[in-house]
C-alpha atoms as a PDB file:
ATOM      1  CA  MET A   1     184.382-331.129-242.339  1.00  0.00           C
ATOM      2  CA  LYS A   2     185.050-328.890-245.339  1.00  0.00           C
ATOM      3  CA  ARG A   3     181.997-326.723-244.645  1.00  0.00           C
ATOM      4  CA  THR A   4     183.028-326.374-241.005  1.00  0.00           C
ATOM      5  CA  ILE A   5     186.412-324.984-242.045  1.00  0.00           C
ATOM      6  CA  ILE A   6     184.761-322.620-244.526  1.00  0.00           C
ATOM      7  CA  GLY A   7     182.302-321.423-241.873  1.00  0.00           C
ATOM      8  CA  ALA A   8     185.044-320.917-239.310  1.00  0.00           C
ATOM      9  CA  THR A   9     187.121-318.988-241.850  1.00  0.00           C
ATOM     10  CA  PHE A  10     184.185-316.726-242.739  1.00  0.00           C
ATOM     11  CA  LEU A  11     183.417-316.166-239.060  1.00  0.00           C
ATOM     12  CA  PHE A  12     187.041-315.357-238.247  1.00  0.00           C
ATOM     13  CA  MET A  13     187.591-313.040-241.220  1.00  0.00           C
ATOM     14  CA  GLY A  14     184.294-311.231-240.651  1.00  0.00           C
ATOM     15  CA  SER A  15     185.045-310.624-236.995  1.00  0.00           C
ATOM     16  CA  LEU A  16     188.611-309.522-237.812  1.00  0.00           C
ATOM     17  CA  ILE A  17     187.477-307.010-240.443  1.00  0.00           C
ATOM     18  CA  SER A  18     184.632-305.621-238.335  1.00  0.00           C
ATOM     19  CA  LEU A  19     186.645-305.314-235.141  1.00  0.00           C
ATOM     20  CA  ALA A  20     189.571-303.666-236.928  1.00  0.00           C
ATOM     21  CA  ILE A  21     187.253-301.044-238.406  1.00  0.00           C
ATOM     22  CA  LEU A  22     185.523-300.491-235.048  1.00  0.00           C
ATOM     23  CA  ILE A  23     188.877-299.997-233.312  1.00  0.00           C
ATOM     24  CA  ALA A  24     190.095-297.632-236.041  1.00  0.00           C
ATOM     25  CA  ALA A  25     186.880-295.604-235.800  1.00  0.00           C
ATOM     26  CA  ALA A  26     187.073-295.472-232.005  1.00  0.00           C
ATOM     27  CA  LEU A  27     190.619-294.133-232.215  1.00  0.00           C
ATOM     28  CA  TYR A  28     189.584-291.597-234.874  1.00  0.00           C
ATOM     29  CA  ILE A  29     186.592-290.199-232.945  1.00  0.00           C
ATOM     30  CA  PRO A  30     188.481-287.516-230.937  1.00  0.00           C
ATOM     31  CA  SER A  31     189.613-285.753-234.115  1.00  0.00           C
ATOM     32  CA  ILE A  32     186.081-285.330-235.539  1.00  0.00           C
ATOM     33  CA  THR A  33     184.747-281.788-235.145  1.00  0.00           C
ATOM     34  CA  ALA A  34     181.525-281.877-237.212  1.00  0.00           C
ATOM     35  CA  TRP A  35     179.227-284.876-237.400  1.00  0.00           C
ATOM     36  CA  ARG A  36     175.609-285.947-237.709  1.00  0.00           C
ATOM     37  CA  GLY A  37     174.116-288.678-235.557  1.00  0.00           C
ATOM     38  CA  THR A  38     176.362-290.914-233.489  1.00  0.00           C
ATOM     39  CA  LYS A  39     180.073-290.157-233.715  1.00  0.00           C
ATOM     40  CA  LEU A  40     181.099-293.818-234.061  1.00  0.00           C
ATOM     41  CA  TRP A  41     178.768-294.570-236.964  1.00  0.00           C
ATOM     42  CA  PHE A  42     179.625-291.239-238.574  1.00  0.00           C
ATOM     43  CA  ALA A  43     183.323-292.108-238.356  1.00  0.00           C
ATOM     44  CA  ILE A  44     182.657-295.410-240.137  1.00  0.00           C
ATOM     45  CA  TYR A  45     180.010-294.470-242.711  1.00  0.00           C
ATOM     46  CA  GLY A  46     180.355-290.688-243.070  1.00  0.00           C
ATOM     47  CA  ALA A  47     178.056-288.392-245.031  1.00  0.00           C
ATOM     48  CA  ASN A  48     178.503-287.136-248.573  1.00  0.00           C
ATOM     49  CA  ASP A  49     176.232-284.103-248.288  1.00  0.00           C
ATOM     50  CA  MET A  50     178.153-282.271-245.553  1.00  0.00           C
ATOM     51  CA  GLY A  51     180.701-280.621-247.853  1.00  0.00           C
ATOM     52  CA  ASN A  52     184.470-280.860-248.089  1.00  0.00           C
ATOM     53  CA  ASP A  53     185.121-280.540-244.355  1.00  0.00           C
ATOM     54  CA  VAL A  54     183.800-284.050-243.653  1.00  0.00           C
ATOM     55  CA  GLN A  55     186.094-285.937-241.321  1.00  0.00           C
ATOM     56  CA  SER A  56     185.166-289.556-241.731  1.00  0.00           C
ATOM     57  CA  LEU A  57     186.896-292.809-242.586  1.00  0.00           C
ATOM     58  CA  PHE A  58     184.224-293.836-245.146  1.00  0.00           C
ATOM     59  CA  LEU A  59     184.652-297.552-244.387  1.00  0.00           C
ATOM     60  CA  GLY A  60     180.978-298.452-244.632  1.00  0.00           C
ATOM     61  CA  LEU A  61     181.332-300.996-247.432  1.00  0.00           C
ATOM     62  CA  PRO A  62     184.180-303.022-245.846  1.00  0.00           C
ATOM     63  CA  PHE A  63     182.402-302.882-242.476  1.00  0.00           C
ATOM     64  CA  THR A  64     179.195-304.207-244.028  1.00  0.00           C
ATOM     65  CA  VAL A  65     181.120-306.952-245.856  1.00  0.00           C
ATOM     66  CA  GLY A  66     182.723-307.950-242.543  1.00  0.00           C
ATOM     67  CA  ILE A  67     179.338-308.179-240.848  1.00  0.00           C
ATOM     68  CA  VAL A  68     177.929-310.246-243.727  1.00  0.00           C
ATOM     69  CA  LEU A  69     180.915-312.631-243.600  1.00  0.00           C
ATOM     70  CA  PHE A  70     180.480-313.000-239.846  1.00  0.00           C
ATOM     71  CA  ILE A  71     176.784-313.818-240.186  1.00  0.00           C
ATOM     72  CA  LEU A  72     177.367-316.263-243.064  1.00  0.00           C
ATOM     73  CA  GLY A  73     180.087-318.055-241.122  1.00  0.00           C
ATOM     74  CA  PHE A  74     177.882-318.279-238.059  1.00  0.00           C
ATOM     75  CA  ILE A  75     174.982-319.680-240.102  1.00  0.00           C
ATOM     76  CA  VAL A  76     177.235-322.277-241.759  1.00  0.00           C
ATOM     77  CA  LEU A  77     178.646-323.390-238.409  1.00  0.00           C
ATOM     78  CA  VAL A  78     175.202-323.647-236.793  1.00  0.00           C
ATOM     79  CA  PHE A  79     173.903-325.589-239.791  1.00  0.00           C
ATOM     80  CA  GLU A  80     176.843-327.992-239.633  1.00  0.00           C
ATOM     81  CA  TYR A  81     176.459-328.427-235.876  1.00  0.00           C
ATOM     82  CA  PHE A  82     172.817-329.488-236.143  1.00  0.00           C
ATOM     83  CA  ASN A  83     173.206-331.417-239.413  1.00  0.00           C
ATOM     84  CA  LYS A  84     175.530-334.207-238.210  1.00  0.00           C
ATOM     85  CA  SER A  85     174.504-337.451-239.917  1.00  0.00           C
END
């Protein structure tokens, strides 16, 4: 039961972090004037080599942590579902 709660917490926190960053980036997209690649991923990750006029949120590390938490929580919940003794 304890691992199920931990897995659900990881899954919830990972999805909350990732979705909050995705929503913030989607709202920020119209104000970007110069970008490279896809606007959404540029708004999240940014680019350091484009100079001082870079308009990005630079939230790549928290977004990646959110995705990792989501995946870990999902793995723990699947493991607990199939490992009932």
